[in-house]
Amino acid sequence: MLTPGELAARLNRLVLSILLTGHRKCGPDWQQPPHTIRHHSFWLIVKGKGDFRINGTHYPAEPGKIFFFAPGMTVERASDPEHPLEYYFLRFYYTEMYEEKEQWISRSAAESPFPLQGMYTLHNPPPLINLMEQMTVLWKRRGHLTAMRRRMILQEIWYDLIQDFRAQKIAGDTTAAIEFTQDYMSTHYREPLTLEGLAQMAGLSVSHYSRLFRKYIGYSPIDYLTHLRVDRAKEMLVLSDYRLKAIAGSVGYSDEFYFSRIFKKIEGMSPRDYAKRHRTTPTGYGKDPD
């Protein structure tokens, strides 16, 4: 398997088009006889059990598994009668296209095999399940903006998948695990992150994770997240005229009054007072910006 960095490099070169996506619940007797795959696709298993055979090799289909199928594969699939399968799927085609030395290079899917094939185990499935839920809802809508949003979500799926593989790779290295969650917070601070969820990403117990995080970073995980959110809010308060409620929401707080209390506790002044004190005069109208 490619390293997370190599996988990111390969996926960044691909231009993808979504053919079909959806969510399915299988009946107790569901099965597909051996057949040849015609399109690229992936299946994310969310419930139940099953047995998949890919090119003669058996794989368990169960929650936390994601399967990538490619044209030419011989595949046989069946659900466990007592625990019927439930899964999300996405069918796509792609072209490899990238710029190199001011020249555009293009390769067809036949010339450039997709970098993921077969079964993979996920360390943290919920983020991918959430993205697939969004994709399924958007598939029922039409319009250019909706199509753009679907493409953006597909990129988020690749990103979260690579992050999951990266987390598995560093699970045995506690320092790297702490740095991973630190990086995750810096890009997902708008989301409702929890101590339990962060510890799970690091592959550690909550108490062990909290001790190590404080040892390496100097803050508890939640204090670090709070300071990160306040720092992002400070940037917006100084550089924009957004309403306080909008700024609070953009950094992960649905309650602007709670956000104001947190902000004042850390900075010693309210968000509005901070904005008045630090907002710069536009260049050309007096005071030069710092």
C-alpha atoms as a PDB file:
ATOM      1  CA  MET A   1       0.000   0.000   0.000  1.00  0.00           C
ATOM      2  CA  LEU A   2       1.167   3.548  -0.741  1.00  0.00           C
ATOM      3  CA  THR A   3       2.167   5.800   2.135  1.00  0.00           C
ATOM      4  CA  PRO A   4      -0.373   8.533   3.036  1.00  0.00           C
ATOM      5  CA  GLY A   5       1.856  11.117   1.343  1.00  0.00           C
ATOM      6  CA  GLU A   6       2.185   9.065  -1.839  1.00  0.00           C
ATOM      7  CA  LEU A   7      -1.557   8.413  -1.886  1.00  0.00           C
ATOM      8  CA  ALA A   8      -2.281  12.140  -1.533  1.00  0.00           C
ATOM      9  CA  ALA A   9       0.098  12.885  -4.416  1.00  0.00           C
ATOM     10  CA  ARG A  10      -1.651  10.355  -6.665  1.00  0.00           C
ATOM     11  CA  LEU A  11      -5.173  11.503  -5.798  1.00  0.00           C
ATOM     12  CA  ASN A  12      -4.221  15.153  -6.320  1.00  0.00           C
ATOM     13  CA  ARG A  13      -3.492  14.345  -9.962  1.00  0.00           C
ATOM     14  CA  LEU A  14      -6.920  12.899 -10.680  1.00  0.00           C
ATOM     15  CA  VAL A  15      -9.959  14.662 -12.111  1.00  0.00           C
ATOM     16  CA  LEU A  16     -13.008  12.683 -11.007  1.00  0.00           C
ATOM     17  CA  SER A  17     -16.639  12.642 -12.092  1.00  0.00           C
ATOM     18  CA  ILE A  18     -19.344  11.065  -9.924  1.00  0.00           C
ATOM     19  CA  LEU A  19     -21.631   8.672 -11.804  1.00  0.00           C
ATOM     20  CA  LEU A  20     -23.863   7.490  -8.965  1.00  0.00           C
ATOM     21  CA  THR A  21     -23.969   7.520  -5.174  1.00  0.00           C
ATOM     22  CA  GLY A  22     -26.387   6.294  -2.541  1.00  0.00           C
ATOM     23  CA  HIS A  23     -27.202   4.328   0.601  1.00  0.00           C
ATOM     24  CA  ARG A  24     -28.563   0.777   0.602  1.00  0.00           C
ATOM     25  CA  LYS A  25     -29.935  -1.707   3.140  1.00  0.00           C
ATOM     26  CA  CYS A  26     -29.691  -5.305   1.996  1.00  0.00           C
ATOM     27  CA  GLY A  27     -32.331  -7.942   2.614  1.00  0.00           C
ATOM     28  CA  PRO A  28     -31.457 -11.146   4.516  1.00  0.00           C
ATOM     29  CA  ASP A  29     -31.125 -13.121   1.279  1.00  0.00           C
ATOM     30  CA  TRP A  30     -29.170 -10.489  -0.661  1.00  0.00           C
ATOM     31  CA  GLN A  31     -26.329 -11.782  -2.800  1.00  0.00           C
ATOM     32  CA  GLN A  32     -24.622 -11.067  -6.102  1.00  0.00           C
ATOM     33  CA  PRO A  33     -23.216 -13.968  -8.131  1.00  0.00           C
ATOM     34  CA  PRO A  34     -19.695 -13.676  -9.613  1.00  0.00           C
ATOM     35  CA  HIS A  35     -19.570 -10.859 -12.150  1.00  0.00           C
ATOM     36  CA  THR A  36     -17.043  -8.536 -13.765  1.00  0.00           C
ATOM     37  CA  ILE A  37     -16.914  -4.961 -12.483  1.00  0.00           C
ATOM     38  CA  ARG A  38     -17.497  -2.306 -15.156  1.00  0.00           C
ATOM     39  CA  HIS A  39     -17.014   0.939 -13.204  1.00  0.00           C
ATOM     40  CA  HIS A  40     -14.746   2.275 -10.486  1.00  0.00           C
ATOM     41  CA  SER A  41     -16.560   2.444  -7.149  1.00  0.00           C
ATOM     42  CA  PHE A  42     -16.167   2.197  -3.412  1.00  0.00           C
ATOM     43  CA  TRP A  43     -18.472   0.773  -0.746  1.00  0.00           C
ATOM     44  CA  LEU A  44     -18.368   1.928   2.877  1.00  0.00           C
ATOM     45  CA  ILE A  45     -19.895  -0.717   5.176  1.00  0.00           C
ATOM     46  CA  VAL A  46     -21.822   0.806   8.103  1.00  0.00           C
ATOM     47  CA  LYS A  47     -23.882  -2.097   9.530  1.00  0.00           C
ATOM     48  CA  GLY A  48     -24.288  -5.845   9.338  1.00  0.00           C
ATOM     49  CA  LYS A  49     -21.988  -8.563   8.067  1.00  0.00           C
ATOM     50  CA  GLY A  50     -21.230 -10.149   4.753  1.00  0.00           C
ATOM     51  CA  ASP A  51     -18.699 -11.961   2.654  1.00  0.00           C
ATOM     52  CA  PHE A  52     -17.061 -10.495  -0.439  1.00  0.00           C
ATOM     53  CA  ARG A  53     -14.853 -12.399  -2.865  1.00  0.00           C
ATOM     54  CA  ILE A  54     -12.558 -10.279  -5.059  1.00  0.00           C
ATOM     55  CA  ASN A  55     -10.591 -12.093  -7.772  1.00  0.00           C
ATOM     56  CA  GLY A  56     -10.972 -15.313  -5.775  1.00  0.00           C
ATOM     57  CA  THR A  57      -9.927 -13.907  -2.380  1.00  0.00           C
ATOM     58  CA  HIS A  58     -12.411 -13.756   0.521  1.00  0.00           C
ATOM     59  CA  TYR A  59     -12.837 -10.539   2.544  1.00  0.00           C
ATOM     60  CA  PRO A  60     -15.117  -9.909   5.550  1.00  0.00           C
ATOM     61  CA  ALA A  61     -17.648  -7.145   4.916  1.00  0.00           C
ATOM     62  CA  GLU A  62     -18.372  -5.469   8.248  1.00  0.00           C
ATOM     63  CA  PRO A  63     -18.576  -1.967   9.778  1.00  0.00           C
ATOM     64  CA  GLY A  64     -15.306  -0.086   9.465  1.00  0.00           C
ATOM     65  CA  LYS A  65     -14.377  -1.701   6.148  1.00  0.00           C
ATOM     66  CA  ILE A  66     -14.190   0.187   2.860  1.00  0.00           C
ATOM     67  CA  PHE A  67     -13.899  -1.617  -0.475  1.00  0.00           C
ATOM     68  CA  PHE A  68     -12.546  -0.165  -3.719  1.00  0.00           C
ATOM     69  CA  PHE A  69     -13.597  -1.915  -6.920  1.00  0.00           C
ATOM     70  CA  ALA A  70     -12.022  -1.410 -10.352  1.00  0.00           C
ATOM     71  CA  PRO A  71     -13.089  -2.425 -13.874  1.00  0.00           C
ATOM     72  CA  GLY A  72     -12.044  -5.976 -14.711  1.00  0.00           C
ATOM     73  CA  MET A  73     -12.264  -7.298 -11.141  1.00  0.00           C
ATOM     74  CA  THR A  74     -14.299 -10.461 -10.646  1.00  0.00           C
ATOM     75  CA  VAL A  75     -16.489  -9.879  -7.602  1.00  0.00           C
ATOM     76  CA  GLU A  76     -18.996 -11.968  -5.650  1.00  0.00           C
ATOM     77  CA  ARG A  77     -20.909 -10.444  -2.723  1.00  0.00           C
ATOM     78  CA  ALA A  78     -23.345 -11.797  -0.140  1.00  0.00           C
ATOM     79  CA  SER A  79     -24.959 -10.565   3.088  1.00  0.00           C
ATOM     80  CA  ASP A  80     -25.229 -12.475   6.376  1.00  0.00           C
ATOM     81  CA  PRO A  81     -28.919 -13.520   6.700  1.00  0.00           C
ATOM     82  CA  GLU A  82     -28.988 -12.708  10.421  1.00  0.00           C
ATOM     83  CA  HIS A  83     -27.098  -9.401  10.115  1.00  0.00           C
ATOM     84  CA  PRO A  84     -28.014  -7.840   6.743  1.00  0.00           C
ATOM     85  CA  LEU A  85     -25.500  -5.438   5.253  1.00  0.00           C
ATOM     86  CA  GLU A  86     -25.997  -1.684   5.086  1.00  0.00           C
ATOM     87  CA  TYR A  87     -23.579   0.437   3.086  1.00  0.00           C
ATOM     88  CA  TYR A  88     -22.920   3.690   1.234  1.00  0.00           C
ATOM     89  CA  PHE A  89     -21.534   3.519  -2.280  1.00  0.00           C
ATOM     90  CA  LEU A  90     -20.100   5.885  -4.854  1.00  0.00           C
ATOM     91  CA  ARG A  91     -19.423   5.082  -8.507  1.00  0.00           C
ATOM     92  CA  PHE A  92     -17.046   7.289 -10.482  1.00  0.00           C
ATOM     93  CA  TYR A  93     -14.715   7.637 -13.399  1.00  0.00           C
ATOM     94  CA  TYR A  94     -11.544   9.682 -13.646  1.00  0.00           C
ATOM     95  CA  THR A  95      -8.696  10.983 -15.749  1.00  0.00           C
ATOM     96  CA  GLU A  96      -5.204  11.707 -14.506  1.00  0.00           C
ATOM     97  CA  MET A  97      -4.321  15.288 -15.399  1.00  0.00           C
ATOM     98  CA  TYR A  98      -1.612  17.477 -13.949  1.00  0.00           C
ATOM     99  CA  GLU A  99       0.793  20.272 -14.864  1.00  0.00           C
ATOM    100  CA  GLU A 100       4.523  19.621 -15.005  1.00  0.00           C
ATOM    101  CA  LYS A 101       7.126  22.098 -16.253  1.00  0.00           C
ATOM    102  CA  GLU A 102       4.398  24.253 -17.798  1.00  0.00           C
ATOM    103  CA  GLN A 103       3.015  21.291 -19.729  1.00  0.00           C
ATOM    104  CA  TRP A 104      -0.329  19.597 -19.097  1.00  0.00           C
ATOM    105  CA  ILE A 105      -0.066  15.806 -18.914  1.00  0.00           C
ATOM    106  CA  SER A 106      -3.178  13.669 -19.345  1.00  0.00           C
ATOM    107  CA  ARG A 107      -3.603   9.910 -18.904  1.00  0.00           C
ATOM    108  CA  SER A 108      -6.737   7.800 -19.106  1.00  0.00           C
ATOM    109  CA  ALA A 109      -7.891   5.519 -16.291  1.00  0.00           C
ATOM    110  CA  ALA A 110      -6.626   2.561 -18.328  1.00  0.00           C
ATOM    111  CA  GLU A 111      -3.125   4.102 -18.368  1.00  0.00           C
ATOM    112  CA  SER A 112      -3.183   5.185 -14.706  1.00  0.00           C
ATOM    113  CA  PRO A 113      -4.651   2.573 -12.305  1.00  0.00           C
ATOM    114  CA  PHE A 114      -6.578   3.964  -9.356  1.00  0.00           C
ATOM    115  CA  PRO A 115      -4.291   3.992  -6.284  1.00  0.00           C
ATOM    116  CA  LEU A 116      -6.810   2.201  -4.011  1.00  0.00           C
ATOM    117  CA  GLN A 117      -8.059  -1.318  -4.755  1.00  0.00           C
ATOM    118  CA  GLY A 118      -9.514  -4.023  -2.540  1.00  0.00           C
ATOM    119  CA  MET A 119     -10.401  -3.830   1.169  1.00  0.00           C
ATOM    120  CA  TYR A 120      -9.145  -1.336   3.769  1.00  0.00           C
ATOM    121  CA  THR A 121      -9.891  -1.037   7.475  1.00  0.00           C
ATOM    122  CA  LEU A 122     -10.792   2.373   8.899  1.00  0.00           C
ATOM    123  CA  HIS A 123      -9.554   3.561  12.293  1.00  0.00           C
ATOM    124  CA  ASN A 124     -12.247   6.254  12.662  1.00  0.00           C
ATOM    125  CA  PRO A 125     -15.240   5.675  10.326  1.00  0.00           C
ATOM    126  CA  PRO A 126     -17.733   8.354  11.583  1.00  0.00           C
ATOM    127  CA  PRO A 127     -16.245  11.320   9.621  1.00  0.00           C
ATOM    128  CA  LEU A 128     -16.456   9.352   6.368  1.00  0.00           C
ATOM    129  CA  ILE A 129     -19.980   8.151   7.159  1.00  0.00           C
ATOM    130  CA  ASN A 130     -21.041  11.757   7.751  1.00  0.00           C
ATOM    131  CA  LEU A 131     -19.569  12.846   4.404  1.00  0.00           C
ATOM    132  CA  MET A 132     -21.293   9.999   2.582  1.00  0.00           C
ATOM    133  CA  GLU A 133     -24.607  10.994   4.201  1.00  0.00           C
ATOM    134  CA  GLN A 134     -24.119  14.525   2.862  1.00  0.00           C
ATOM    135  CA  MET A 135     -23.223  13.171  -0.574  1.00  0.00           C
ATOM    136  CA  THR A 136     -26.361  11.015  -0.669  1.00  0.00           C
ATOM    137  CA  VAL A 137     -28.589  13.998   0.178  1.00  0.00           C
ATOM    138  CA  LEU A 138     -26.916  16.186  -2.452  1.00  0.00           C
ATOM    139  CA  TRP A 139     -27.292  13.494  -5.110  1.00  0.00           C
ATOM    140  CA  LYS A 140     -31.058  14.066  -5.009  1.00  0.00           C
ATOM    141  CA  ARG A 141     -30.593  17.724  -5.946  1.00  0.00           C
ATOM    142  CA  ARG A 142     -29.563  19.401  -9.176  1.00  0.00           C
ATOM    143  CA  GLY A 143     -27.758  22.592 -10.140  1.00  0.00           C
ATOM    144  CA  HIS A 144     -24.231  23.799 -10.777  1.00  0.00           C
ATOM    145  CA  LEU A 145     -23.607  24.835  -7.164  1.00  0.00           C
ATOM    146  CA  THR A 146     -24.812  21.444  -5.936  1.00  0.00           C
ATOM    147  CA  ALA A 147     -22.487  19.706  -8.393  1.00  0.00           C
ATOM    148  CA  MET A 148     -19.616  21.847  -7.113  1.00  0.00           C
ATOM    149  CA  ARG A 149     -20.456  20.947  -3.519  1.00  0.00           C
ATOM    150  CA  ARG A 150     -20.493  17.225  -4.392  1.00  0.00           C
ATOM    151  CA  ARG A 151     -17.006  17.522  -5.864  1.00  0.00           C
ATOM    152  CA  MET A 152     -15.817  19.313  -2.733  1.00  0.00           C
ATOM    153  CA  ILE A 153     -17.222  16.583  -0.496  1.00  0.00           C
ATOM    154  CA  LEU A 154     -15.476  13.934  -2.593  1.00  0.00           C
ATOM    155  CA  GLN A 155     -12.189  15.749  -1.968  1.00  0.00           C
ATOM    156  CA  GLU A 156     -13.013  15.779   1.766  1.00  0.00           C
ATOM    157  CA  ILE A 157     -13.605  12.021   1.590  1.00  0.00           C
ATOM    158  CA  TRP A 158     -10.136  11.481   0.109  1.00  0.00           C
ATOM    159  CA  TYR A 159      -8.634  13.809   2.727  1.00  0.00           C
ATOM    160  CA  ASP A 160     -10.298  12.058   5.677  1.00  0.00           C
ATOM    161  CA  LEU A 161      -9.404   8.651   4.269  1.00  0.00           C
ATOM    162  CA  ILE A 162      -5.732   9.619   4.020  1.00  0.00           C
ATOM    163  CA  GLN A 163      -5.836  11.080   7.529  1.00  0.00           C
ATOM    164  CA  ASP A 164      -7.290   7.794   8.777  1.00  0.00           C
ATOM    165  CA  PHE A 165      -4.474   5.806   7.147  1.00  0.00           C
ATOM    166  CA  ARG A 166      -1.966   8.234   8.609  1.00  0.00           C
ATOM    167  CA  ALA A 167      -3.447   7.802  12.099  1.00  0.00           C
ATOM    168  CA  GLN A 168      -3.116   4.028  11.801  1.00  0.00           C
ATOM    169  CA  LYS A 169       0.502   4.377  10.720  1.00  0.00           C
ATOM    170  CA  ILE A 170       1.460   6.491  13.727  1.00  0.00           C
ATOM    171  CA  ALA A 171      -0.746   4.731  16.304  1.00  0.00           C
ATOM    172  CA  GLY A 172       2.281   3.086  17.929  1.00  0.00           C
ATOM    173  CA  ASP A 173       4.160   6.396  18.239  1.00  0.00           C
ATOM    174  CA  THR A 174       2.634   8.449  21.046  1.00  0.00           C
ATOM    175  CA  THR A 175       4.458  11.674  20.131  1.00  0.00           C
ATOM    176  CA  ALA A 176       3.283  11.406  16.536  1.00  0.00           C
ATOM    177  CA  ALA A 177      -0.226  10.573  17.758  1.00  0.00           C
ATOM    178  CA  ILE A 178      -0.342  13.760  19.837  1.00  0.00           C
ATOM    179  CA  GLU A 179       0.948  15.813  16.887  1.00  0.00           C
ATOM    180  CA  PHE A 180      -1.675  14.208  14.656  1.00  0.00           C
ATOM    181  CA  THR A 181      -4.549  15.292  16.902  1.00  0.00           C
ATOM    182  CA  GLN A 182      -2.948  18.732  17.238  1.00  0.00           C
ATOM    183  CA  ASP A 183      -2.922  19.049  13.442  1.00  0.00           C
ATOM    184  CA  TYR A 184      -6.480  17.703  13.277  1.00  0.00           C
ATOM    185  CA  MET A 185      -7.701  20.362  15.693  1.00  0.00           C
ATOM    186  CA  SER A 186      -6.042  23.102  13.649  1.00  0.00           C
ATOM    187  CA  THR A 187      -8.119  22.177  10.575  1.00  0.00           C
ATOM    188  CA  HIS A 188     -11.334  20.951  12.274  1.00  0.00           C
ATOM    189  CA  TYR A 189     -11.686  23.466  15.134  1.00  0.00           C
ATOM    190  CA  ARG A 190     -15.103  24.533  13.799  1.00  0.00           C
ATOM    191  CA  GLU A 191     -16.473  21.059  14.504  1.00  0.00           C
ATOM    192  CA  PRO A 192     -17.860  19.805  17.864  1.00  0.00           C
ATOM    193  CA  LEU A 193     -14.677  17.975  18.898  1.00  0.00           C
ATOM    194  CA  THR A 194     -14.655  16.032  22.160  1.00  0.00           C
ATOM    195  CA  LEU A 195     -11.884  14.766  24.415  1.00  0.00           C
ATOM    196  CA  GLU A 196     -13.131  11.210  23.912  1.00  0.00           C
ATOM    197  CA  GLY A 197     -13.055  11.558  20.126  1.00  0.00           C
ATOM    198  CA  LEU A 198      -9.541  13.035  20.093  1.00  0.00           C
ATOM    199  CA  ALA A 199      -8.242  10.274  22.392  1.00  0.00           C
ATOM    200  CA  GLN A 200      -9.777   7.679  20.071  1.00  0.00           C
ATOM    201  CA  MET A 201      -7.977   9.237  17.092  1.00  0.00           C
ATOM    202  CA  ALA A 202      -4.696   8.967  18.999  1.00  0.00           C
ATOM    203  CA  GLY A 203      -5.401   5.355  19.931  1.00  0.00           C
ATOM    204  CA  LEU A 204      -5.064   6.136  23.649  1.00  0.00           C
ATOM    205  CA  SER A 205      -7.262   6.149  26.724  1.00  0.00           C
ATOM    206  CA  VAL A 206      -8.730   9.538  27.651  1.00  0.00           C
ATOM    207  CA  SER A 207      -6.605   9.876  30.797  1.00  0.00           C
ATOM    208  CA  HIS A 208      -3.357   8.792  29.097  1.00  0.00           C
ATOM    209  CA  TYR A 209      -4.020  11.038  26.116  1.00  0.00           C
ATOM    210  CA  SER A 210      -4.757  14.050  28.343  1.00  0.00           C
ATOM    211  CA  ARG A 211      -1.540  13.546  30.347  1.00  0.00           C
ATOM    212  CA  LEU A 212       0.622  13.157  27.251  1.00  0.00           C
ATOM    213  CA  PHE A 213      -0.965  16.108  25.463  1.00  0.00           C
ATOM    214  CA  ARG A 214      -0.344  18.408  28.431  1.00  0.00           C
ATOM    215  CA  LYS A 215       3.222  17.097  28.717  1.00  0.00           C
ATOM    216  CA  TYR A 216       4.087  17.725  25.050  1.00  0.00           C
ATOM    217  CA  ILE A 217       1.963  20.809  24.267  1.00  0.00           C
ATOM    218  CA  GLY A 218       1.645  22.558  27.638  1.00  0.00           C
ATOM    219  CA  TYR A 219      -2.163  22.727  27.587  1.00  0.00           C
ATOM    220  CA  SER A 220      -4.912  20.190  28.118  1.00  0.00           C
ATOM    221  CA  PRO A 221      -6.477  19.134  24.780  1.00  0.00           C
ATOM    222  CA  ILE A 222      -9.663  21.149  25.379  1.00  0.00           C
ATOM    223  CA  ASP A 223      -7.723  24.232  26.561  1.00  0.00           C
ATOM    224  CA  TYR A 224      -5.591  23.996  23.420  1.00  0.00           C
ATOM    225  CA  LEU A 225      -8.715  23.769  21.264  1.00  0.00           C
ATOM    226  CA  THR A 226     -10.247  26.759  23.078  1.00  0.00           C
ATOM    227  CA  HIS A 227      -7.128  28.892  22.551  1.00  0.00           C
ATOM    228  CA  LEU A 228      -7.037  27.822  18.906  1.00  0.00           C
ATOM    229  CA  ARG A 229     -10.641  28.938  18.404  1.00  0.00           C
ATOM    230  CA  VAL A 230     -10.070  32.231  20.201  1.00  0.00           C
ATOM    231  CA  ASP A 231      -6.949  32.919  18.094  1.00  0.00           C
ATOM    232  CA  ARG A 232      -8.950  32.367  14.893  1.00  0.00           C
ATOM    233  CA  ALA A 233     -11.706  34.624  16.233  1.00  0.00           C
ATOM    234  CA  LYS A 234      -9.160  37.356  17.002  1.00  0.00           C
ATOM    235  CA  GLU A 235      -8.012  37.316  13.379  1.00  0.00           C
ATOM    236  CA  MET A 236     -11.593  37.780  12.147  1.00  0.00           C
ATOM    237  CA  LEU A 237     -12.382  40.459  14.702  1.00  0.00           C
ATOM    238  CA  VAL A 238      -9.414  42.512  13.513  1.00  0.00           C
ATOM    239  CA  LEU A 239      -9.685  41.900   9.785  1.00  0.00           C
ATOM    240  CA  SER A 240     -13.433  41.828   9.158  1.00  0.00           C
ATOM    241  CA  ASP A 241     -16.751  43.438  10.036  1.00  0.00           C
ATOM    242  CA  TYR A 242     -18.621  40.176  10.587  1.00  0.00           C
ATOM    243  CA  ARG A 243     -21.231  40.105  13.326  1.00  0.00           C
ATOM    244  CA  LEU A 244     -20.192  38.491  16.578  1.00  0.00           C
ATOM    245  CA  LYS A 245     -22.677  35.646  16.131  1.00  0.00           C
ATOM    246  CA  ALA A 246     -21.194  34.790  12.729  1.00  0.00           C
ATOM    247  CA  ILE A 247     -17.648  34.836  14.092  1.00  0.00           C
ATOM    248  CA  ALA A 248     -18.634  32.656  17.055  1.00  0.00           C
ATOM    249  CA  GLY A 249     -20.276  30.141  14.730  1.00  0.00           C
ATOM    250  CA  SER A 250     -17.276  30.064  12.397  1.00  0.00           C
ATOM    251  CA  VAL A 251     -14.963  28.967  15.223  1.00  0.00           C
ATOM    252  CA  GLY A 252     -17.223  26.303  16.699  1.00  0.00           C
ATOM    253  CA  TYR A 253     -19.545  28.122  19.144  1.00  0.00           C
ATOM    254  CA  SER A 254     -23.282  28.151  18.474  1.00  0.00           C
ATOM    255  CA  ASP A 255     -23.912  30.455  21.480  1.00  0.00           C
ATOM    256  CA  GLU A 256     -22.358  33.901  20.991  1.00  0.00           C
ATOM    257  CA  PHE A 257     -22.781  34.770  24.698  1.00  0.00           C
ATOM    258  CA  TYR A 258     -20.886  31.652  25.787  1.00  0.00           C
ATOM    259  CA  PHE A 259     -18.220  32.487  23.202  1.00  0.00           C
ATOM    260  CA  SER A 260     -17.942  36.025  24.630  1.00  0.00           C
ATOM    261  CA  ARG A 261     -17.429  34.650  28.151  1.00  0.00           C
ATOM    262  CA  ILE A 262     -14.727  32.260  26.950  1.00  0.00           C
ATOM    263  CA  PHE A 263     -13.055  35.029  24.951  1.00  0.00           C
ATOM    264  CA  LYS A 264     -13.036  37.444  27.902  1.00  0.00           C
ATOM    265  CA  LYS A 265     -11.668  34.769  30.227  1.00  0.00           C
ATOM    266  CA  ILE A 266      -8.683  34.227  27.933  1.00  0.00           C
ATOM    267  CA  GLU A 267      -8.056  37.751  26.613  1.00  0.00           C
ATOM    268  CA  GLY A 268      -9.235  39.813  29.596  1.00  0.00           C
ATOM    269  CA  MET A 269     -11.665  41.835  27.469  1.00  0.00           C
ATOM    270  CA  SER A 270     -14.796  41.275  25.414  1.00  0.00           C
ATOM    271  CA  PRO A 271     -14.588  40.472  21.680  1.00  0.00           C
ATOM    272  CA  ARG A 272     -16.008  43.912  20.816  1.00  0.00           C
ATOM    273  CA  ASP A 273     -13.438  45.707  22.982  1.00  0.00           C
ATOM    274  CA  TYR A 274     -10.690  43.597  21.424  1.00  0.00           C
ATOM    275  CA  ALA A 275     -11.852  44.543  17.923  1.00  0.00           C
ATOM    276  CA  LYS A 276     -11.942  48.279  18.797  1.00  0.00           C
ATOM    277  CA  ARG A 277      -8.451  48.147  20.286  1.00  0.00           C
ATOM    278  CA  HIS A 278      -6.728  46.122  17.564  1.00  0.00           C
ATOM    279  CA  ARG A 279      -8.534  46.888  14.316  1.00  0.00           C
ATOM    280  CA  THR A 280      -6.109  48.682  12.004  1.00  0.00           C
ATOM    281  CA  THR A 281      -6.803  51.707   9.808  1.00  0.00           C
ATOM    282  CA  PRO A 282      -6.771  50.744   6.104  1.00  0.00           C
ATOM    283  CA  THR A 283      -3.547  51.578   4.301  1.00  0.00           C
ATOM    284  CA  GLY A 284      -3.665  55.058   2.785  1.00  0.00           C
ATOM    285  CA  TYR A 285      -5.890  56.517   5.503  1.00  0.00           C
ATOM    286  CA  GLY A 286      -3.435  57.393   8.214  1.00  0.00           C
ATOM    287  CA  LYS A 287      -1.897  54.745  10.453  1.00  0.00           C
ATOM    288  CA  ASP A 288       0.153  52.063   8.688  1.00  0.00           C
ATOM    289  CA  PRO A 289      -0.839  48.478   9.447  1.00  0.00           C
ATOM    290  CA  ASP A 290       1.509  46.443  11.652  1.00  0.00           C
END
